[in-house]
């Protein structure tokens, strides 16, 4: 017996939604900014879930506008957006987003569309978007339900937040500190794939709302603890990212409790590949790369590994000794360091920035490439790899925060 897909829309709805694509291209960001304003006015408690720093910087509005645009453009073939659904669902599961949040979001998204587009938002358009949102939301709910089940059902897994104790706090550089986290209940903890992250819940005295932050795990899996390595962001007045990082660095001590969600993320090392492996990082973007490097060391890989890290100078460069020791214990591992503003002569393999000619001279074009760092850094690396002719399927990268175009 044939059954209709739960994600099917009738042809009239599809045509109506697709007709709004040019309008969304022009007004999408205005709609999403208006949406968040309306949402938080009516439901300020949702500020406990959303990263308000991303809100103030406009990164979340841009990301949502892109998602809405993609949904409209592919409404006639929703399978096209399922990779993006899976990626966002990973974030949602890690943030503990639940099915009851979706009707609230849908209500204020439709209000925002109507209020921004005004007379252009005809009853037919609003009815079509209401139906389309219901189908898209159900797709998210279903994917996330499976992720919650998997997270809880795995060995050492759990759902929601679980208390972890800061077992050890280690300063890795002038700006980066590692936090070693062990389960408060002493029970086993879930494994993870190198490159994944956890969400940390922080309640700062004097702050009205809870802060949720996602940090890459910076050590190999299956060691009985999780390690995150956090960069202290200075300049609180013009850089609100620093609120949480400064609290972690300055206020939290060994023995304090951090609630976290189980590891998540769709950026991770593919360990079944036998291609050479190139790990490229800028600044604190080396945290997921450290997890991958340590994993390759632990499994005694036969792959040729190239670890390339760019930093401002020696003082802010974390994990120098850890990388050196890992490289020495591996069959084939080369480590290269680039400083843009070195403090001493001769301590880096290169001064300035990574350039394609230099990269081609030290790494093979047949490799799998993974990279992470500031947005400008990732744009530059991605452009280099494409200019080099590296196939898209061998280019892997991670954003810290809402996904952006690089």
Protein backbone atom coordinates (compact mmCIF):
# COMPACT_ATOMS: atom_id res chain seq x y z
CA UNK A 1 0.00 0.00 0.00
CA UNK A 2 1.42 3.38 -1.01
CA UNK A 3 1.39 6.14 1.61
CA UNK A 4 1.93 9.85 1.01
CA UNK A 5 5.08 11.42 2.39
CA UNK A 6 4.44 13.54 5.50
CA UNK A 7 6.53 16.28 3.85
CA UNK A 8 4.33 16.66 0.73
CA UNK A 9 2.61 19.91 -0.26
CA UNK A 10 -0.07 20.42 -2.92
CA UNK A 11 0.91 22.03 -6.21
CA UNK A 12 -0.85 25.34 -5.55
CA UNK A 13 0.99 25.79 -2.25
CA UNK A 14 4.31 24.94 -3.91
CA UNK A 15 3.76 27.44 -6.71
CA UNK A 16 2.68 30.17 -4.29
CA UNK A 17 5.68 29.70 -2.02
CA UNK A 18 8.13 29.55 -4.93
CA UNK A 19 6.67 32.80 -6.25
CA UNK A 20 7.88 34.49 -3.05
CA UNK A 21 11.55 33.57 -3.66
CA UNK A 22 12.49 36.94 -5.27
CA UNK A 23 10.77 38.79 -2.42
CA UNK A 24 12.64 36.75 0.17
CA UNK A 25 15.93 37.44 -1.60
CA UNK A 26 15.23 41.17 -1.20
CA UNK A 27 13.54 41.27 2.23
CA UNK A 28 14.60 38.03 3.93
CA UNK A 29 16.96 39.58 6.45
CA UNK A 30 14.49 42.34 7.33
CA UNK A 31 11.86 39.66 7.94
CA UNK A 32 14.09 37.58 10.21
CA UNK A 33 15.27 40.61 12.21
CA UNK A 34 11.64 41.60 12.71
CA UNK A 35 10.81 37.99 13.60
CA UNK A 36 13.38 37.84 16.40
CA UNK A 37 12.26 41.19 17.78
CA UNK A 38 8.65 40.03 17.89
CA UNK A 39 9.54 36.60 19.25
CA UNK A 40 11.61 37.89 22.16
CA UNK A 41 9.05 40.56 23.04
CA UNK A 42 6.36 37.89 23.40
CA UNK A 43 8.58 35.07 24.76
CA UNK A 44 11.63 36.51 26.53
CA UNK A 45 12.22 33.10 28.11
CA UNK A 46 13.50 31.91 24.72
CA UNK A 47 16.55 34.11 25.25
CA UNK A 48 17.68 31.22 27.47
CA UNK A 49 18.10 29.14 24.30
CA UNK A 50 19.27 31.62 21.67
CA UNK A 51 22.80 33.01 21.65
CA UNK A 52 22.07 36.71 22.18
CA UNK A 53 25.57 37.67 21.06
CA UNK A 54 24.80 36.23 17.62
CA UNK A 55 21.52 38.13 17.72
CA UNK A 56 23.21 41.47 18.40
CA UNK A 57 25.83 40.86 15.72
CA UNK A 58 23.15 39.97 13.16
CA UNK A 59 24.69 36.55 12.44
CA UNK A 60 21.57 34.63 13.47
CA UNK A 61 19.24 36.77 11.34
CA UNK A 62 21.43 36.22 8.28
CA UNK A 63 21.57 32.48 8.89
CA UNK A 64 17.80 32.20 9.34
CA UNK A 65 17.15 34.34 6.27
CA UNK A 66 19.33 31.97 4.26
CA UNK A 67 17.47 28.94 5.63
CA UNK A 68 14.05 30.43 4.85
CA UNK A 69 15.18 31.37 1.34
CA UNK A 70 16.54 27.84 0.72
CA UNK A 71 13.29 26.30 1.97
CA UNK A 72 11.25 28.45 -0.41
CA UNK A 73 13.57 27.81 -3.36
CA UNK A 74 13.42 24.04 -2.87
CA UNK A 75 9.85 23.72 -1.62
CA UNK A 76 9.02 21.50 -4.59
CA UNK A 77 11.77 19.07 -3.61
CA UNK A 78 12.38 19.29 0.13
CA UNK A 79 14.92 16.47 -0.01
CA UNK A 80 17.33 19.10 -1.42
CA UNK A 81 17.39 20.93 1.93
CA UNK A 82 17.62 17.81 4.12
CA UNK A 83 21.43 18.07 4.49
CA UNK A 84 20.89 21.58 5.90
CA UNK A 85 18.02 20.29 8.05
CA UNK A 86 20.33 17.64 9.49
CA UNK A 87 23.04 20.20 10.26
CA UNK A 88 20.63 22.61 11.97
CA UNK A 89 18.97 19.71 13.80
CA UNK A 90 22.35 18.78 15.29
CA UNK A 91 22.58 22.31 16.71
CA UNK A 92 19.00 22.18 17.94
CA UNK A 93 19.48 18.86 19.73
CA UNK A 94 22.61 20.17 21.38
CA UNK A 95 20.71 23.30 22.50
CA UNK A 96 17.78 21.21 23.77
CA UNK A 97 15.26 22.68 21.32
CA UNK A 98 11.95 20.83 21.71
CA UNK A 99 8.83 20.27 19.51
CA UNK A 100 6.79 22.77 21.54
CA UNK A 101 9.09 25.57 20.40
CA UNK A 102 8.13 25.18 16.73
CA UNK A 103 4.53 26.51 16.86
CA UNK A 104 5.81 29.60 18.68
CA UNK A 105 8.51 30.21 16.08
CA UNK A 106 6.04 29.62 13.25
CA UNK A 107 3.53 32.10 14.67
CA UNK A 108 6.02 34.97 14.86
CA UNK A 109 7.72 34.14 11.55
CA UNK A 110 4.36 34.46 9.79
CA UNK A 111 3.63 37.69 11.67
CA UNK A 112 7.01 39.06 10.56
CA UNK A 113 6.38 38.11 6.91
CA UNK A 114 3.01 39.88 7.00
CA UNK A 115 4.27 43.01 8.76
CA UNK A 116 7.35 43.46 6.56
CA UNK A 117 5.71 42.65 3.21
CA UNK A 118 2.41 44.34 4.15
CA UNK A 119 -0.04 44.33 1.20
CA UNK A 120 2.28 42.08 -0.81
CA UNK A 121 1.61 39.32 1.73
CA UNK A 122 -1.78 38.33 0.34
CA UNK A 123 -4.06 35.84 2.12
CA UNK A 124 -3.05 33.17 -0.42
CA UNK A 125 0.66 33.74 0.30
CA UNK A 126 0.16 33.68 4.06
CA UNK A 127 -1.94 30.50 3.86
CA UNK A 128 0.68 28.81 1.67
CA UNK A 129 3.53 29.80 4.00
CA UNK A 130 1.60 28.59 7.04
CA UNK A 131 1.15 25.19 5.41
CA UNK A 132 4.76 25.09 4.20
CA UNK A 133 6.12 26.02 7.62
CA UNK A 134 4.10 23.20 9.20
CA UNK A 135 5.63 20.65 6.84
CA UNK A 136 9.19 21.99 7.24
CA UNK A 137 8.82 22.18 11.04
CA UNK A 138 7.63 18.58 11.15
CA UNK A 139 10.72 17.52 9.21
CA UNK A 140 12.91 19.20 11.84
CA UNK A 141 10.92 17.69 14.71
CA UNK A 142 11.22 14.19 13.26
CA UNK A 143 14.96 14.46 12.57
CA UNK A 144 15.59 15.92 16.02
CA UNK A 145 13.52 13.21 17.72
CA UNK A 146 15.80 10.58 16.19
CA UNK A 147 18.85 12.53 17.34
CA UNK A 148 17.55 12.79 20.91
CA UNK A 149 16.88 9.06 20.91
CA UNK A 150 20.38 8.28 19.63
CA UNK A 151 22.05 10.65 22.12
CA UNK A 152 20.22 9.10 25.06
CA UNK A 153 20.41 5.50 23.89
CA UNK A 154 24.16 5.29 23.24
CA UNK A 155 26.51 3.92 25.89
CA UNK A 156 27.06 6.68 28.43
CA UNK A 157 24.51 8.87 26.66
CA UNK A 158 21.86 11.19 28.03
CA UNK A 159 19.16 13.65 26.96
CA UNK A 160 19.05 17.31 27.95
CA UNK A 161 21.69 18.69 30.31
CA UNK A 162 23.89 16.62 32.60
CA UNK A 163 26.16 17.99 35.32
CA UNK A 164 29.90 17.74 34.85
CA UNK A 165 32.62 18.75 37.29
CA UNK A 166 35.61 20.84 36.24
CA UNK A 167 38.25 18.27 37.12
CA UNK A 168 41.20 20.29 35.84
CA UNK A 169 41.77 23.77 34.46
CA UNK A 170 44.93 24.31 32.37
CA UNK A 171 46.22 27.52 30.79
CA UNK A 172 47.36 26.64 27.26
CA UNK A 173 48.43 30.13 26.13
CA UNK A 174 47.93 33.75 27.12
CA UNK A 175 44.35 33.61 25.85
CA UNK A 176 43.30 29.92 25.79
CA UNK A 177 42.44 27.78 28.81
CA UNK A 178 41.39 24.12 28.79
CA UNK A 179 38.67 22.71 31.01
CA UNK A 180 38.71 18.97 31.71
CA UNK A 181 35.16 17.83 32.49
CA UNK A 182 34.12 14.65 34.31
CA UNK A 183 30.57 13.44 34.95
CA UNK A 184 29.41 14.47 38.42
CA UNK A 185 27.56 11.15 38.85
CA UNK A 186 30.72 9.15 38.06
CA UNK A 187 28.91 7.12 35.40
CA UNK A 188 30.24 6.45 31.86
CA UNK A 189 30.08 9.26 29.31
CA UNK A 190 29.24 9.08 25.62
CA UNK A 191 31.95 8.79 23.02
CA UNK A 192 32.15 11.29 20.18
CA UNK A 193 33.69 11.77 16.76
CA UNK A 194 36.76 14.02 16.57
CA UNK A 195 35.60 17.47 15.49
CA UNK A 196 32.29 17.45 17.39
CA UNK A 197 31.27 19.86 20.14
CA UNK A 198 29.28 20.10 23.37
CA UNK A 199 26.89 22.79 24.58
CA UNK A 200 27.70 24.35 27.96
CA UNK A 201 25.03 26.06 30.07
CA UNK A 202 26.25 29.05 32.07
CA UNK A 203 24.27 31.03 34.64
CA UNK A 204 26.22 34.19 35.40
CA UNK A 205 25.32 36.07 38.60
CA UNK A 206 23.59 39.33 37.71
CA UNK A 207 22.65 38.13 34.21
CA UNK A 208 18.90 37.73 33.62
CA UNK A 209 19.15 34.91 31.10
CA UNK A 210 21.07 31.68 30.81
CA UNK A 211 23.96 31.57 28.33
CA UNK A 212 24.40 28.54 26.06
CA UNK A 213 27.70 28.18 24.25
CA UNK A 214 28.96 25.43 21.97
CA UNK A 215 32.64 24.51 22.27
CA UNK A 216 34.56 21.99 20.18
CA UNK A 217 36.00 19.04 22.07
CA UNK A 218 39.77 19.45 21.92
CA UNK A 219 41.01 16.01 22.93
CA UNK A 220 40.51 12.50 21.54
CA UNK A 221 37.40 10.52 22.54
CA UNK A 222 37.13 7.69 25.05
CA UNK A 223 39.40 9.08 27.77
CA UNK A 224 36.83 9.29 30.55
CA UNK A 225 36.54 13.08 30.30
CA UNK A 226 35.68 15.83 27.85
CA UNK A 227 38.05 18.72 27.23
CA UNK A 228 37.08 22.12 25.88
CA UNK A 229 39.65 24.85 25.25
CA UNK A 230 38.19 28.34 25.44
CA UNK A 231 39.67 31.58 24.10
CA UNK A 232 39.20 34.57 26.39
CA UNK A 233 37.60 37.33 24.33
CA UNK A 234 38.69 40.74 25.59
CA UNK A 235 36.98 44.10 25.20
CA UNK A 236 33.57 43.36 26.70
CA UNK A 237 31.97 46.66 25.71
CA UNK A 238 32.50 46.20 21.98
CA UNK A 239 32.82 42.42 22.02
CA UNK A 240 29.96 40.77 23.91
CA UNK A 241 31.38 37.33 23.05
CA UNK A 242 33.64 37.96 26.03
CA UNK A 243 30.90 37.73 28.66
CA UNK A 244 30.94 33.92 28.83
CA UNK A 245 34.60 33.34 28.01
CA UNK A 246 35.76 35.76 30.71
CA UNK A 247 33.43 34.16 33.23
CA UNK A 248 34.87 30.73 32.42
CA UNK A 249 38.45 31.97 32.62
CA UNK A 250 38.18 34.18 35.66
CA UNK A 251 35.36 32.87 37.85
CA UNK A 252 34.99 29.13 37.42
CA UNK A 253 37.38 26.94 39.40
CA UNK A 254 38.28 23.27 39.60
CA UNK A 255 35.44 21.49 41.36
CA UNK A 256 32.73 23.77 39.96
CA UNK A 257 29.81 22.31 38.00
CA UNK A 258 29.02 22.82 34.33
CA UNK A 259 25.79 21.38 32.82
CA UNK A 260 26.37 20.14 29.26
CA UNK A 261 24.52 18.29 26.52
CA UNK A 262 25.84 15.15 24.84
CA UNK A 263 28.38 15.64 22.01
CA UNK A 264 26.93 16.73 18.68
CA UNK A 265 27.94 18.07 15.29
CA UNK A 266 28.14 17.05 11.65
CA UNK A 267 31.75 18.21 11.23
CA UNK A 268 33.98 15.31 12.17
CA UNK A 269 36.94 13.28 10.99
CA UNK A 270 36.17 10.48 8.53
CA UNK A 271 38.40 7.79 9.97
CA UNK A 272 37.75 5.15 7.30
CA UNK A 273 39.61 7.16 4.66
CA UNK A 274 43.19 6.17 3.84
CA UNK A 275 43.98 9.46 2.03
CA UNK A 276 46.60 11.80 3.47
CA UNK A 277 45.10 14.11 6.09
CA UNK A 278 45.67 17.87 6.20
CA UNK A 279 44.46 19.75 9.30
CA UNK A 280 44.56 23.54 8.95
CA UNK A 281 43.64 25.91 11.78
CA UNK A 282 43.71 29.57 12.63
CA UNK A 283 43.65 30.86 16.21
CA UNK A 284 41.30 28.97 18.50
CA UNK A 285 40.10 27.05 15.42
CA UNK A 286 42.77 24.52 16.31
CA UNK A 287 40.51 22.96 18.99
CA UNK A 288 38.67 20.45 16.74
CA UNK A 289 41.94 19.84 14.86
CA UNK A 290 43.60 18.85 18.16
CA UNK A 291 40.89 16.25 18.71
CA UNK A 292 41.53 14.83 15.24
CA UNK A 293 45.31 14.85 15.67
CA UNK A 294 45.17 13.13 19.06
CA UNK A 295 42.77 10.55 17.67
CA UNK A 296 45.11 9.75 14.79
CA UNK A 297 47.93 9.33 17.31
CA UNK A 298 45.84 7.07 19.56
CA UNK A 299 44.78 4.72 16.74
CA UNK A 300 48.34 4.65 15.35
CA UNK A 301 47.16 5.66 11.90
CA UNK A 302 49.04 4.76 8.75
CA UNK A 303 47.86 7.95 7.06
CA UNK A 304 50.28 10.77 6.31
CA UNK A 305 49.19 13.68 8.53
CA UNK A 306 49.97 17.37 8.02
CA UNK A 307 49.12 19.72 10.91
CA UNK A 308 49.21 23.39 9.91
CA UNK A 309 48.44 26.10 12.45
CA UNK A 310 48.34 29.88 12.01
CA UNK A 311 48.43 32.23 15.00
CA UNK A 312 49.30 35.83 15.70
CA UNK A 313 52.41 35.01 17.73
CA UNK A 314 54.05 32.65 20.22
CA UNK A 315 52.15 33.97 23.26
CA UNK A 316 48.70 33.11 21.91
CA UNK A 317 49.74 29.80 20.31
CA UNK A 318 48.25 26.93 22.34
CA UNK A 319 49.19 23.23 22.38
CA UNK A 320 52.68 23.63 20.89
CA UNK A 321 54.13 20.85 23.04
CA UNK A 322 51.09 18.59 22.62
CA UNK A 323 51.40 18.80 18.84
CA UNK A 324 55.13 18.12 18.97
CA UNK A 325 54.67 15.03 21.14
CA UNK A 326 51.81 13.71 19.01
CA UNK A 327 53.83 14.17 15.82
CA UNK A 328 56.83 12.34 17.31
CA UNK A 329 54.66 9.34 18.22
CA UNK A 330 53.04 9.03 14.80
CA UNK A 331 54.42 7.15 11.81
CA UNK A 332 54.17 10.12 9.48
CA UNK A 333 53.21 13.55 10.76
CA UNK A 334 54.51 16.96 9.76
CA UNK A 335 53.70 20.06 11.81
CA UNK A 336 53.97 23.60 10.44
CA UNK A 337 53.44 26.91 12.27
CA UNK A 338 52.71 30.33 10.74
CA UNK A 339 52.86 33.55 12.81
CA UNK A 340 51.43 36.78 11.39
CA UNK A 341 53.21 38.95 13.99
CA UNK A 342 56.03 36.85 15.47
CA UNK A 343 57.69 38.01 18.69
CA UNK A 344 60.98 36.25 18.01
CA UNK A 345 62.90 35.43 14.85
CA UNK A 346 62.99 31.86 13.62
CA UNK A 347 60.32 30.31 15.86
CA UNK A 348 57.82 29.79 13.02
CA UNK A 349 58.04 27.81 9.79
CA UNK A 350 56.52 30.78 7.98
CA UNK A 351 55.75 34.41 8.77
CA UNK A 352 52.68 36.18 7.46
CA UNK A 353 49.73 34.14 6.21
CA UNK A 354 49.09 30.82 4.49
CA UNK A 355 49.47 31.08 0.74
CA UNK A 356 48.56 28.57 -1.95
CA UNK A 357 52.08 28.18 -3.35
CA UNK A 358 53.44 27.48 0.13
CA UNK A 359 50.59 25.10 0.97
CA UNK A 360 51.14 23.14 -2.25
CA UNK A 361 54.83 22.83 -1.41
CA UNK A 362 54.19 21.01 1.88
CA UNK A 363 50.92 19.10 1.45
CA UNK A 364 49.67 16.70 -1.24
CA UNK A 365 46.70 17.57 -3.41
CA UNK A 366 45.38 14.02 -2.93
CA UNK A 367 44.61 14.69 0.76
CA UNK A 368 41.42 15.15 2.74
CA UNK A 369 41.41 18.74 4.02
CA UNK A 370 39.85 19.91 7.31
CA UNK A 371 40.02 23.50 8.46
CA UNK A 372 38.62 25.84 11.09
CA UNK A 373 39.26 29.38 12.28
CA UNK A 374 37.97 32.95 11.96
CA UNK A 375 35.61 33.55 9.03
CA UNK A 376 38.17 35.54 7.01
CA UNK A 377 40.76 32.82 7.51
CA UNK A 378 38.34 30.13 6.35
CA UNK A 379 37.33 32.11 3.28
CA UNK A 380 40.98 32.40 2.32
CA UNK A 381 41.71 28.69 2.86
CA UNK A 382 38.56 27.61 1.04
CA UNK A 383 39.42 29.85 -1.92
CA UNK A 384 42.95 28.41 -2.04
CA UNK A 385 41.73 24.83 -2.04
CA UNK A 386 39.23 25.51 -4.81
CA UNK A 387 41.86 27.33 -6.86
CA UNK A 388 44.10 24.29 -6.32
CA UNK A 389 41.34 22.09 -7.73
CA UNK A 390 40.63 20.06 -4.59
CA UNK A 391 37.29 18.26 -5.04
CA UNK A 392 34.48 19.61 -2.86
CA UNK A 393 33.95 16.25 -1.19
CA UNK A 394 37.47 16.42 0.26
CA UNK A 395 37.03 19.94 1.69
CA UNK A 396 35.63 19.97 5.23
CA UNK A 397 35.21 22.95 7.54
CA UNK A 398 33.53 24.05 10.76
CA UNK A 399 31.92 27.36 11.69
CA UNK A 400 31.94 28.60 15.27
CA UNK A 401 28.40 30.00 15.34
CA UNK A 402 25.66 30.30 12.69
CA UNK A 403 26.69 29.01 9.28
CA UNK A 404 27.90 31.67 6.87
CA UNK A 405 28.96 31.73 3.26
CA UNK A 406 32.68 31.29 2.61
